[in-house]
Amino acid sequence: MLRQKKTRLFFERNGFAVSTRLAEVLGMKVKSVRLFFIYASFTTLIGGFLMYLTLAFWLKLKDMIYTKRSSVFDL
């Protein structure tokens, strides 16, 4: 149990200060860096889903327009 607590404390001290360190290096506010990461994660999540829906729509539309006919007399 003591080892788990030491590991957790190590990651709390060193791992969760990423945005703080990045803000110090860039000379920005920590709040701005954190908001950027939050907005970027939502944008990539929602953007990927919207791209998937758009491509699915276009493929369905293409299949509806360009149907393969078995013979010339299927007009």
Protein backbone atom coordinates (compact mmCIF):
# COMPACT_ATOMS: atom_id res chain seq x y z
CA MET A 1 0.00 0.00 0.00
CA LEU A 2 2.87 2.34 0.76
CA ARG A 3 4.37 1.76 -2.67
CA GLN A 4 1.09 2.69 -4.38
CA LYS A 5 0.91 5.88 -2.38
CA LYS A 6 4.49 6.83 -3.33
CA THR A 7 3.76 6.12 -7.00
CA ARG A 8 0.59 8.20 -6.91
CA LEU A 9 2.36 11.09 -5.20
CA PHE A 10 5.17 10.95 -7.78
CA PHE A 11 2.72 11.25 -10.66
CA GLU A 12 0.72 13.95 -8.91
CA ARG A 13 3.84 16.05 -8.41
CA ASN A 14 5.48 15.47 -11.78
CA GLY A 15 2.79 14.32 -14.22
CA PHE A 16 -0.01 16.76 -13.59
CA ALA A 17 2.10 19.88 -13.96
CA VAL A 18 2.37 19.60 -17.73
CA SER A 19 0.21 22.61 -18.50
CA THR A 20 1.92 24.64 -15.79
CA ARG A 21 5.37 23.92 -17.15
CA LEU A 22 4.26 24.51 -20.73
CA ALA A 23 2.70 27.84 -19.75
CA GLU A 24 5.91 28.89 -18.01
CA VAL A 25 8.00 28.01 -21.07
CA LEU A 26 5.64 29.83 -23.46
CA GLY A 27 5.09 32.78 -21.15
CA MET A 28 1.32 32.34 -21.09
CA LYS A 29 -1.34 31.95 -18.43
CA VAL A 30 -1.93 28.41 -17.19
CA LYS A 31 -5.67 28.85 -17.67
CA SER A 32 -5.18 29.61 -21.37
CA VAL A 33 -3.07 26.50 -21.91
CA ARG A 34 -5.60 24.28 -20.14
CA LEU A 35 -8.48 25.77 -22.12
CA PHE A 36 -6.55 25.15 -25.34
CA PHE A 37 -6.13 21.45 -24.48
CA ILE A 38 -9.82 21.15 -23.57
CA TYR A 39 -10.97 22.84 -26.79
CA ALA A 40 -8.51 20.83 -28.89
CA SER A 41 -9.74 17.54 -27.45
CA PHE A 42 -13.39 18.41 -28.11
CA THR A 43 -12.56 19.64 -31.60
CA THR A 44 -10.76 16.46 -32.58
CA LEU A 45 -13.44 14.25 -31.08
CA ILE A 46 -16.37 16.08 -32.67
CA GLY A 47 -14.46 16.79 -35.91
CA GLY A 48 -13.66 13.13 -36.43
CA PHE A 49 -17.26 12.12 -35.87
CA LEU A 50 -18.54 14.79 -38.27
CA MET A 51 -16.01 13.73 -40.91
CA TYR A 52 -17.19 10.13 -40.55
CA LEU A 53 -20.84 11.13 -41.00
CA THR A 54 -20.02 13.31 -44.01
CA LEU A 55 -18.06 10.55 -45.74
CA ALA A 56 -20.81 8.02 -45.01
CA PHE A 57 -23.37 10.40 -46.51
CA TRP A 58 -21.31 10.96 -49.66
CA LEU A 59 -20.69 7.24 -50.14
CA LYS A 60 -24.40 6.49 -49.75
CA LEU A 61 -25.24 9.27 -52.21
CA LYS A 62 -22.66 7.98 -54.69
CA ASP A 63 -24.09 4.46 -54.45
CA MET A 64 -27.59 5.78 -55.07
CA ILE A 65 -26.55 7.76 -58.16
CA TYR A 66 -24.12 5.32 -59.72
CA THR A 67 -25.99 2.04 -59.47
CA LYS A 68 -24.56 -0.80 -61.47
CA ARG A 69 -26.97 -2.09 -64.08
CA SER A 70 -26.90 -5.73 -65.11
CA SER A 71 -27.93 -5.14 -68.70
CA VAL A 72 -28.69 -2.41 -71.21
CA PHE A 73 -32.43 -3.04 -70.97
CA ASP A 74 -32.68 -2.09 -67.27
CA LEU A 75 -33.47 1.54 -68.09
